[in-house]
């Protein structure tokens, strides 16, 4: 869930998006 919030606040972070995609 932490990663999701990070993306919402920083949608320019591709690393976070990748983490969400890997997380089930």
Protein backbone atom coordinates (compact mmCIF):
# COMPACT_ATOMS: atom_id res chain seq x y z
CA UNK A 1 0.00 0.00 0.00
CA UNK A 2 2.92 2.32 0.72
CA UNK A 3 4.07 2.04 -2.90
CA UNK A 4 0.63 2.97 -4.15
CA UNK A 5 0.59 6.20 -2.13
CA UNK A 6 4.12 6.99 -3.36
CA UNK A 7 2.93 6.75 -6.96
CA UNK A 8 -0.09 8.95 -6.25
CA UNK A 9 2.19 11.61 -4.77
CA UNK A 10 5.07 11.02 -7.21
CA UNK A 11 3.72 9.60 -10.48
CA UNK A 12 7.12 10.41 -12.03
CA UNK A 13 8.74 7.49 -10.11
CA UNK A 14 9.00 4.52 -12.50
CA UNK A 15 10.68 2.42 -9.79
CA UNK A 16 7.56 2.58 -7.61
CA UNK A 17 5.32 1.68 -10.55
CA UNK A 18 7.54 -1.33 -11.29
CA UNK A 19 7.28 -2.42 -7.64
CA UNK A 20 3.48 -2.31 -7.79
CA UNK A 21 3.44 -4.32 -11.00
CA UNK A 22 5.65 -6.97 -9.37
CA UNK A 23 3.57 -6.99 -6.18
CA UNK A 24 0.43 -9.16 -6.40
